[in-house]
Amino acid sequence: MPRYKAVIAYDGTDYCGFQTQDNGKTVQQELEKTLTKFNNGVHVPIHGSGRTDSGVHAEGQVIHFDMPQKRDEEKLRHAFDTQSPEDIAVKSVELVDDEFHARYLAKGKTYHFYVDIGRPRSPFSRRYAAFFPYELDIEKMKKAAELLLGEHDFSGFCATGTEIEDKVRTIYEAKVEQVSETQIRFVFSGNGFLYKMVRIMVGTLLKIGNNRMPVEQITTIIDKKDRNLAGPTAHPEGLYLMEVRYK
């Protein structure tokens, strides 16, 4: 059965995350509804590169799915895109080997996190950036972010509720950028991320930037593997899955 890989983008505001669940609308459910219509009412399951939580957005989420017949890739992309909800875009569709798996073959991901530091907050960014109206030392946060680079056990930056035992990950990029007078962007790239890891790293860096934690707290959290030593989990609306990388 032909297998297809698709890159999708979505505004996560009105969704209870990516993955199908019993309560609330999810991105996966909406995409499967669309594909099932193309398949004469026979359910078509999709598999994503990973979950995103309620309110989290994506620019480069990757999925795969199988269809009973081979189809023109651009025609399938166009139909998939136009028949899906307006807050979901299908950016590309390509035929792949039947061994391809969106989740298990992923080798790395990049996330962006946006913070609105304007006073008062912009009503137009409330769904797309977390609000932090307090003083921040950007240079201090940049120094702290550098301590996240490399291979570490990131247990101290992982929320409870995960079943993953191996919490060693490698971070290749950890940047803090002021992109405008009222907005900061955090950029993280790595070979994988734990449950709510990016949001906890952002919450910790904001606390450091607000002079409520020392820069060296990053090293302490990594060494002690203690979530209680890290900052709060930043709000989900600022988080974007930008890219998923494969070999």
C-alpha atoms as a PDB file:
ATOM      1  CA  MET A   1       0.000   0.000   0.000  1.00  0.00           C
ATOM      2  CA  PRO A   2       1.531   3.382  -0.992  1.00  0.00           C
ATOM      3  CA  ARG A   3       2.859   5.428   1.907  1.00  0.00           C
ATOM      4  CA  TYR A   4       2.924   9.217   1.939  1.00  0.00           C
ATOM      5  CA  LYS A   5       4.860  11.710   4.014  1.00  0.00           C
ATOM      6  CA  ALA A   6       3.278  15.128   4.558  1.00  0.00           C
ATOM      7  CA  VAL A   7       4.537  18.315   6.163  1.00  0.00           C
ATOM      8  CA  ILE A   8       1.773  20.253   7.865  1.00  0.00           C
ATOM      9  CA  ALA A   9       1.377  23.561   9.696  1.00  0.00           C
ATOM     10  CA  TYR A  10      -1.360  24.431  12.143  1.00  0.00           C
ATOM     11  CA  ASP A  11      -2.608  27.045  14.539  1.00  0.00           C
ATOM     12  CA  GLY A  12      -2.998  25.030  17.719  1.00  0.00           C
ATOM     13  CA  THR A  13      -5.195  27.565  19.534  1.00  0.00           C
ATOM     14  CA  ASP A  14      -8.471  25.680  19.175  1.00  0.00           C
ATOM     15  CA  TYR A  15      -7.050  22.176  19.495  1.00  0.00           C
ATOM     16  CA  CYS A  16      -6.422  19.941  22.497  1.00  0.00           C
ATOM     17  CA  GLY A  17      -3.044  19.043  21.030  1.00  0.00           C
ATOM     18  CA  PHE A  18      -2.003  16.991  18.028  1.00  0.00           C
ATOM     19  CA  GLN A  19      -2.733  13.448  19.141  1.00  0.00           C
ATOM     20  CA  THR A  20      -6.198  11.887  19.156  1.00  0.00           C
ATOM     21  CA  GLN A  21      -7.881  11.797  22.564  1.00  0.00           C
ATOM     22  CA  ASP A  22     -11.314  11.087  23.970  1.00  0.00           C
ATOM     23  CA  ASN A  23     -12.117  14.643  25.044  1.00  0.00           C
ATOM     24  CA  GLY A  24     -11.719  17.605  22.723  1.00  0.00           C
ATOM     25  CA  LYS A  25     -10.790  18.295  19.104  1.00  0.00           C
ATOM     26  CA  THR A  26      -7.291  17.392  17.948  1.00  0.00           C
ATOM     27  CA  VAL A  27      -5.264  17.971  14.792  1.00  0.00           C
ATOM     28  CA  GLN A  28      -4.851  14.248  14.163  1.00  0.00           C
ATOM     29  CA  GLN A  29      -8.601  13.651  14.300  1.00  0.00           C
ATOM     30  CA  GLU A  30      -9.306  16.425  11.809  1.00  0.00           C
ATOM     31  CA  LEU A  31      -6.676  15.192   9.362  1.00  0.00           C
ATOM     32  CA  GLU A  32      -7.925  11.627   9.597  1.00  0.00           C
ATOM     33  CA  LYS A  33     -11.486  12.817   8.882  1.00  0.00           C
ATOM     34  CA  THR A  34     -10.259  14.440   5.665  1.00  0.00           C
ATOM     35  CA  LEU A  35      -8.286  11.394   4.488  1.00  0.00           C
ATOM     36  CA  THR A  36     -11.159   9.071   5.343  1.00  0.00           C
ATOM     37  CA  LYS A  37     -13.415  11.089   3.012  1.00  0.00           C
ATOM     38  CA  PHE A  38     -10.880  10.501   0.210  1.00  0.00           C
ATOM     39  CA  ASN A  39     -10.937   6.780   1.002  1.00  0.00           C
ATOM     40  CA  ASN A  40     -14.691   6.243   0.554  1.00  0.00           C
ATOM     41  CA  GLY A  41     -15.364   6.380   4.278  1.00  0.00           C
ATOM     42  CA  VAL A  42     -12.737   3.793   5.265  1.00  0.00           C
ATOM     43  CA  HIS A  43     -10.647   5.121   8.160  1.00  0.00           C
ATOM     44  CA  VAL A  44      -7.096   6.245   7.297  1.00  0.00           C
ATOM     45  CA  PRO A  45      -4.852   6.480  10.385  1.00  0.00           C
ATOM     46  CA  ILE A  46      -2.001   8.977  10.414  1.00  0.00           C
ATOM     47  CA  HIS A  47       1.212   8.910  12.426  1.00  0.00           C
ATOM     48  CA  GLY A  48       2.939  12.099  13.567  1.00  0.00           C
ATOM     49  CA  SER A  49       6.559  12.818  14.379  1.00  0.00           C
ATOM     50  CA  GLY A  50       5.461  13.563  17.941  1.00  0.00           C
ATOM     51  CA  ARG A  51       2.808  15.162  20.077  1.00  0.00           C
ATOM     52  CA  THR A  52       2.221  18.838  20.570  1.00  0.00           C
ATOM     53  CA  ASP A  53       0.207  19.983  23.581  1.00  0.00           C
ATOM     54  CA  SER A  54      -2.993  21.992  23.689  1.00  0.00           C
ATOM     55  CA  GLY A  55      -2.454  25.481  22.271  1.00  0.00           C
ATOM     56  CA  VAL A  56       0.943  24.674  20.726  1.00  0.00           C
ATOM     57  CA  HIS A  57       1.495  25.518  17.044  1.00  0.00           C
ATOM     58  CA  ALA A  58       3.458  23.891  14.238  1.00  0.00           C
ATOM     59  CA  GLU A  59       5.122  25.133  11.080  1.00  0.00           C
ATOM     60  CA  GLY A  60       6.795  21.841  10.172  1.00  0.00           C
ATOM     61  CA  GLN A  61       5.029  18.878  11.778  1.00  0.00           C
ATOM     62  CA  VAL A  62       5.578  15.668   9.796  1.00  0.00           C
ATOM     63  CA  ILE A  63       3.048  12.863   9.388  1.00  0.00           C
ATOM     64  CA  HIS A  64       2.780   9.696   7.350  1.00  0.00           C
ATOM     65  CA  PHE A  65      -0.207   7.690   6.165  1.00  0.00           C
ATOM     66  CA  ASP A  66      -1.044   4.838   3.786  1.00  0.00           C
ATOM     67  CA  MET A  67      -3.575   5.031   0.954  1.00  0.00           C
ATOM     68  CA  PRO A  68      -4.905   2.031  -0.993  1.00  0.00           C
ATOM     69  CA  GLN A  69      -4.024   3.507  -4.375  1.00  0.00           C
ATOM     70  CA  LYS A  70      -1.135   5.542  -5.697  1.00  0.00           C
ATOM     71  CA  ARG A  71      -2.110   9.163  -6.305  1.00  0.00           C
ATOM     72  CA  ASP A  72      -0.554  12.227  -7.870  1.00  0.00           C
ATOM     73  CA  GLU A  73       1.325  13.900  -5.035  1.00  0.00           C
ATOM     74  CA  GLU A  74       0.414  17.517  -5.797  1.00  0.00           C
ATOM     75  CA  LYS A  75      -3.236  16.695  -6.453  1.00  0.00           C
ATOM     76  CA  LEU A  76      -3.368  14.811  -3.149  1.00  0.00           C
ATOM     77  CA  ARG A  77      -1.666  17.690  -1.335  1.00  0.00           C
ATOM     78  CA  HIS A  78      -4.074  20.219  -2.818  1.00  0.00           C
ATOM     79  CA  ALA A  79      -7.139  18.164  -1.943  1.00  0.00           C
ATOM     80  CA  PHE A  80      -5.821  17.372   1.534  1.00  0.00           C
ATOM     81  CA  ASP A  81      -5.086  21.041   2.143  1.00  0.00           C
ATOM     82  CA  THR A  82      -8.332  22.515   0.835  1.00  0.00           C
ATOM     83  CA  GLN A  83     -10.558  19.918   2.518  1.00  0.00           C
ATOM     84  CA  SER A  84      -8.913  20.283   5.942  1.00  0.00           C
ATOM     85  CA  PRO A  85      -9.923  23.010   8.436  1.00  0.00           C
ATOM     86  CA  GLU A  86      -8.681  26.530   7.738  1.00  0.00           C
ATOM     87  CA  ASP A  87      -6.288  26.471  10.695  1.00  0.00           C
ATOM     88  CA  ILE A  88      -4.429  23.483   9.238  1.00  0.00           C
ATOM     89  CA  ALA A  89      -2.259  23.732   6.100  1.00  0.00           C
ATOM     90  CA  VAL A  90      -0.786  20.815   4.173  1.00  0.00           C
ATOM     91  CA  LYS A  91       2.509  22.185   2.860  1.00  0.00           C
ATOM     92  CA  SER A  92       3.812  19.156   0.999  1.00  0.00           C
ATOM     93  CA  VAL A  93       3.002  15.525   0.231  1.00  0.00           C
ATOM     94  CA  GLU A  94       5.466  12.998  -1.165  1.00  0.00           C
ATOM     95  CA  LEU A  95       5.464   9.277  -1.835  1.00  0.00           C
ATOM     96  CA  VAL A  96       7.972   7.509   0.422  1.00  0.00           C
ATOM     97  CA  ASP A  97       9.308   4.026   1.049  1.00  0.00           C
ATOM     98  CA  ASP A  98       6.950   1.845   3.049  1.00  0.00           C
ATOM     99  CA  GLU A  99       9.627   1.628   5.774  1.00  0.00           C
ATOM    100  CA  PHE A 100       9.392   5.356   6.467  1.00  0.00           C
ATOM    101  CA  HIS A 101       7.985   6.275   9.884  1.00  0.00           C
ATOM    102  CA  ALA A 102       7.402   9.894  10.867  1.00  0.00           C
ATOM    103  CA  ARG A 103       8.165   9.303  14.535  1.00  0.00           C
ATOM    104  CA  TYR A 104      10.709   6.499  14.750  1.00  0.00           C
ATOM    105  CA  LEU A 105      12.984   7.728  11.965  1.00  0.00           C
ATOM    106  CA  ALA A 106      13.109  11.364  13.112  1.00  0.00           C
ATOM    107  CA  LYS A 107      16.698  12.415  13.848  1.00  0.00           C
ATOM    108  CA  GLY A 108      16.163  15.933  15.146  1.00  0.00           C
ATOM    109  CA  LYS A 109      13.731  18.775  15.719  1.00  0.00           C
ATOM    110  CA  THR A 110      13.767  22.552  15.938  1.00  0.00           C
ATOM    111  CA  TYR A 111      11.401  24.558  18.113  1.00  0.00           C
ATOM    112  CA  HIS A 112      10.835  28.302  18.390  1.00  0.00           C
ATOM    113  CA  PHE A 113       9.247  29.972  21.385  1.00  0.00           C
ATOM    114  CA  TYR A 114       7.988  33.574  21.240  1.00  0.00           C
ATOM    115  CA  VAL A 115       7.541  35.851  24.241  1.00  0.00           C
ATOM    116  CA  ASP A 116       5.634  39.153  24.187  1.00  0.00           C
ATOM    117  CA  ILE A 117       7.432  41.631  26.472  1.00  0.00           C
ATOM    118  CA  GLY A 118       5.355  44.680  25.496  1.00  0.00           C
ATOM    119  CA  ARG A 119       3.535  46.766  28.073  1.00  0.00           C
ATOM    120  CA  PRO A 120       0.607  46.511  27.771  1.00  0.00           C
ATOM    121  CA  ARG A 121       0.453  43.208  25.947  1.00  0.00           C
ATOM    122  CA  SER A 122      -0.705  43.155  22.360  1.00  0.00           C
ATOM    123  CA  PRO A 123      -4.181  41.667  21.948  1.00  0.00           C
ATOM    124  CA  PHE A 124      -3.059  40.417  18.517  1.00  0.00           C
ATOM    125  CA  SER A 125      -0.282  38.199  19.886  1.00  0.00           C
ATOM    126  CA  ARG A 126      -2.159  36.687  22.815  1.00  0.00           C
ATOM    127  CA  ARG A 127      -2.638  33.386  20.953  1.00  0.00           C
ATOM    128  CA  TYR A 128       0.836  33.271  19.439  1.00  0.00           C
ATOM    129  CA  ALA A 129       3.277  34.454  22.120  1.00  0.00           C
ATOM    130  CA  ALA A 130       3.518  33.998  25.865  1.00  0.00           C
ATOM    131  CA  PHE A 131       3.262  37.250  27.827  1.00  0.00           C
ATOM    132  CA  PHE A 132       6.068  38.274  30.203  1.00  0.00           C
ATOM    133  CA  PRO A 133       5.795  41.967  31.239  1.00  0.00           C
ATOM    134  CA  TYR A 134       8.793  42.007  33.610  1.00  0.00           C
ATOM    135  CA  GLU A 135      12.360  43.265  33.281  1.00  0.00           C
ATOM    136  CA  LEU A 136      14.705  40.896  31.455  1.00  0.00           C
ATOM    137  CA  ASP A 137      18.469  40.765  31.063  1.00  0.00           C
ATOM    138  CA  ILE A 138      18.795  39.350  27.543  1.00  0.00           C
ATOM    139  CA  GLU A 139      22.570  38.891  27.735  1.00  0.00           C
ATOM    140  CA  LYS A 140      22.212  36.904  30.939  1.00  0.00           C
ATOM    141  CA  MET A 141      19.697  34.597  29.286  1.00  0.00           C
ATOM    142  CA  LYS A 142      22.024  34.108  26.312  1.00  0.00           C
ATOM    143  CA  LYS A 143      24.831  32.971  28.624  1.00  0.00           C
ATOM    144  CA  ALA A 144      22.478  30.611  30.447  1.00  0.00           C
ATOM    145  CA  ALA A 145      21.190  29.147  27.176  1.00  0.00           C
ATOM    146  CA  GLU A 146      24.744  28.205  26.168  1.00  0.00           C
ATOM    147  CA  LEU A 147      24.926  25.888  29.189  1.00  0.00           C
ATOM    148  CA  LEU A 148      22.134  23.783  27.655  1.00  0.00           C
ATOM    149  CA  LEU A 149      24.278  22.871  24.650  1.00  0.00           C
ATOM    150  CA  GLY A 150      25.661  19.367  24.315  1.00  0.00           C
ATOM    151  CA  GLU A 151      24.621  15.933  25.521  1.00  0.00           C
ATOM    152  CA  HIS A 152      23.028  15.856  28.978  1.00  0.00           C
ATOM    153  CA  ASP A 153      20.496  14.007  31.057  1.00  0.00           C
ATOM    154  CA  PHE A 154      17.624  16.518  30.942  1.00  0.00           C
ATOM    155  CA  SER A 155      15.531  14.911  33.710  1.00  0.00           C
ATOM    156  CA  GLY A 156      15.422  18.266  35.495  1.00  0.00           C
ATOM    157  CA  PHE A 157      13.726  19.822  32.460  1.00  0.00           C
ATOM    158  CA  CYS A 158      11.096  17.096  32.007  1.00  0.00           C
ATOM    159  CA  ALA A 159       7.521  17.281  33.306  1.00  0.00           C
ATOM    160  CA  THR A 160       5.959  14.382  35.150  1.00  0.00           C
ATOM    161  CA  GLY A 161       3.706  12.089  33.160  1.00  0.00           C
ATOM    162  CA  THR A 162       6.233  10.703  30.680  1.00  0.00           C
ATOM    163  CA  GLU A 163       6.951   6.996  30.342  1.00  0.00           C
ATOM    164  CA  ILE A 164      10.340   7.584  28.709  1.00  0.00           C
ATOM    165  CA  GLU A 165      13.173   6.317  30.899  1.00  0.00           C
ATOM    166  CA  ASP A 166      16.190   7.476  28.887  1.00  0.00           C
ATOM    167  CA  LYS A 167      16.269  11.244  29.328  1.00  0.00           C
ATOM    168  CA  VAL A 168      19.637  11.882  27.678  1.00  0.00           C
ATOM    169  CA  ARG A 169      19.343  14.289  24.766  1.00  0.00           C
ATOM    170  CA  THR A 170      21.738  16.416  22.716  1.00  0.00           C
ATOM    171  CA  ILE A 171      21.049  20.116  22.138  1.00  0.00           C
ATOM    172  CA  TYR A 172      22.822  21.575  19.104  1.00  0.00           C
ATOM    173  CA  GLU A 173      21.392  25.082  19.229  1.00  0.00           C
ATOM    174  CA  ALA A 174      20.016  27.177  22.095  1.00  0.00           C
ATOM    175  CA  LYS A 175      19.601  30.867  21.279  1.00  0.00           C
ATOM    176  CA  VAL A 176      17.815  33.884  22.728  1.00  0.00           C
ATOM    177  CA  GLU A 177      17.071  36.663  20.244  1.00  0.00           C
ATOM    178  CA  GLN A 178      15.274  39.972  20.600  1.00  0.00           C
ATOM    179  CA  VAL A 179      13.449  40.156  17.282  1.00  0.00           C
ATOM    180  CA  SER A 180      11.644  43.442  18.000  1.00  0.00           C
ATOM    181  CA  GLU A 181      11.089  45.939  20.798  1.00  0.00           C
ATOM    182  CA  THR A 182       8.234  43.833  22.112  1.00  0.00           C
ATOM    183  CA  GLN A 183       9.181  40.266  21.221  1.00  0.00           C
ATOM    184  CA  ILE A 184      11.831  37.707  22.159  1.00  0.00           C
ATOM    185  CA  ARG A 185      12.429  34.427  20.336  1.00  0.00           C
ATOM    186  CA  PHE A 186      14.022  31.321  21.814  1.00  0.00           C
ATOM    187  CA  VAL A 187      15.440  28.783  19.325  1.00  0.00           C
ATOM    188  CA  PHE A 188      16.203  25.177  20.286  1.00  0.00           C
ATOM    189  CA  SER A 189      17.483  22.405  18.023  1.00  0.00           C
ATOM    190  CA  GLY A 190      18.349  18.923  19.182  1.00  0.00           C
ATOM    191  CA  ASN A 191      18.148  15.227  18.465  1.00  0.00           C
ATOM    192  CA  GLY A 192      14.987  15.022  20.573  1.00  0.00           C
ATOM    193  CA  PHE A 193      13.056  16.697  23.366  1.00  0.00           C
ATOM    194  CA  LEU A 194      11.341  15.396  26.486  1.00  0.00           C
ATOM    195  CA  TYR A 195       7.795  16.083  27.664  1.00  0.00           C
ATOM    196  CA  LYS A 196       7.380  19.876  28.003  1.00  0.00           C
ATOM    197  CA  MET A 197      11.171  20.243  27.948  1.00  0.00           C
ATOM    198  CA  VAL A 198      11.246  23.340  25.733  1.00  0.00           C
ATOM    199  CA  ARG A 199       8.620  25.138  27.818  1.00  0.00           C
ATOM    200  CA  ILE A 200      10.471  24.336  31.050  1.00  0.00           C
ATOM    201  CA  MET A 201      13.764  25.566  29.572  1.00  0.00           C
ATOM    202  CA  VAL A 202      12.057  28.803  28.515  1.00  0.00           C
ATOM    203  CA  GLY A 203      10.444  29.249  31.939  1.00  0.00           C
ATOM    204  CA  THR A 204      13.830  28.753  33.572  1.00  0.00           C
ATOM    205  CA  LEU A 205      15.633  31.169  31.248  1.00  0.00           C
ATOM    206  CA  LEU A 206      12.968  33.825  31.859  1.00  0.00           C
ATOM    207  CA  LYS A 207      13.447  33.442  35.597  1.00  0.00           C
ATOM    208  CA  ILE A 208      17.205  33.837  35.137  1.00  0.00           C
ATOM    209  CA  GLY A 209      16.669  36.881  32.936  1.00  0.00           C
ATOM    210  CA  ASN A 210      14.458  38.362  35.640  1.00  0.00           C
ATOM    211  CA  ASN A 211      17.332  37.922  38.139  1.00  0.00           C
ATOM    212  CA  ARG A 212      15.461  35.378  40.241  1.00  0.00           C
ATOM    213  CA  MET A 213      17.948  32.613  39.425  1.00  0.00           C
ATOM    214  CA  PRO A 214      21.697  32.670  38.696  1.00  0.00           C
ATOM    215  CA  VAL A 215      23.028  31.721  35.277  1.00  0.00           C
ATOM    216  CA  GLU A 216      24.714  28.687  36.861  1.00  0.00           C
ATOM    217  CA  GLN A 217      21.303  27.314  37.861  1.00  0.00           C
ATOM    218  CA  ILE A 218      21.174  25.599  34.457  1.00  0.00           C
ATOM    219  CA  THR A 219      24.199  23.470  35.355  1.00  0.00           C
ATOM    220  CA  THR A 220      22.777  22.724  38.795  1.00  0.00           C
ATOM    221  CA  ILE A 221      19.465  21.511  37.316  1.00  0.00           C
ATOM    222  CA  ILE A 222      21.294  19.250  34.867  1.00  0.00           C
ATOM    223  CA  ASP A 223      23.628  17.858  37.542  1.00  0.00           C
ATOM    224  CA  LYS A 224      20.933  17.292  40.168  1.00  0.00           C
ATOM    225  CA  LYS A 225      18.303  16.024  37.666  1.00  0.00           C
ATOM    226  CA  ASP A 226      15.677  17.739  39.825  1.00  0.00           C
ATOM    227  CA  ARG A 227      12.634  19.337  38.159  1.00  0.00           C
ATOM    228  CA  ASN A 228      11.938  21.318  41.352  1.00  0.00           C
ATOM    229  CA  LEU A 229      15.115  23.334  40.804  1.00  0.00           C
ATOM    230  CA  ALA A 230      13.978  24.595  37.380  1.00  0.00           C
ATOM    231  CA  GLY A 231      11.617  27.440  36.555  1.00  0.00           C
ATOM    232  CA  PRO A 232       7.913  27.212  35.747  1.00  0.00           C
ATOM    233  CA  THR A 233       6.554  25.671  32.542  1.00  0.00           C
ATOM    234  CA  ALA A 234       6.054  28.515  30.062  1.00  0.00           C
ATOM    235  CA  HIS A 235       2.586  28.928  28.548  1.00  0.00           C
ATOM    236  CA  PRO A 236       1.912  26.820  25.424  1.00  0.00           C
ATOM    237  CA  GLU A 237       0.803  29.565  23.011  1.00  0.00           C
ATOM    238  CA  GLY A 238       4.385  30.719  22.423  1.00  0.00           C
ATOM    239  CA  LEU A 239       5.655  27.333  21.234  1.00  0.00           C
ATOM    240  CA  TYR A 240       6.085  26.299  17.584  1.00  0.00           C
ATOM    241  CA  LEU A 241       7.400  23.032  16.149  1.00  0.00           C
ATOM    242  CA  MET A 242       9.364  24.411  13.212  1.00  0.00           C
ATOM    243  CA  GLU A 243      11.138  21.454  11.642  1.00  0.00           C
ATOM    244  CA  VAL A 244      11.569  17.698  11.909  1.00  0.00           C
ATOM    245  CA  ARG A 245      14.751  16.267  10.377  1.00  0.00           C
ATOM    246  CA  TYR A 246      15.390  12.853   8.865  1.00  0.00           C
ATOM    247  CA  LYS A 247      18.393  11.178   7.272  1.00  0.00           C
END
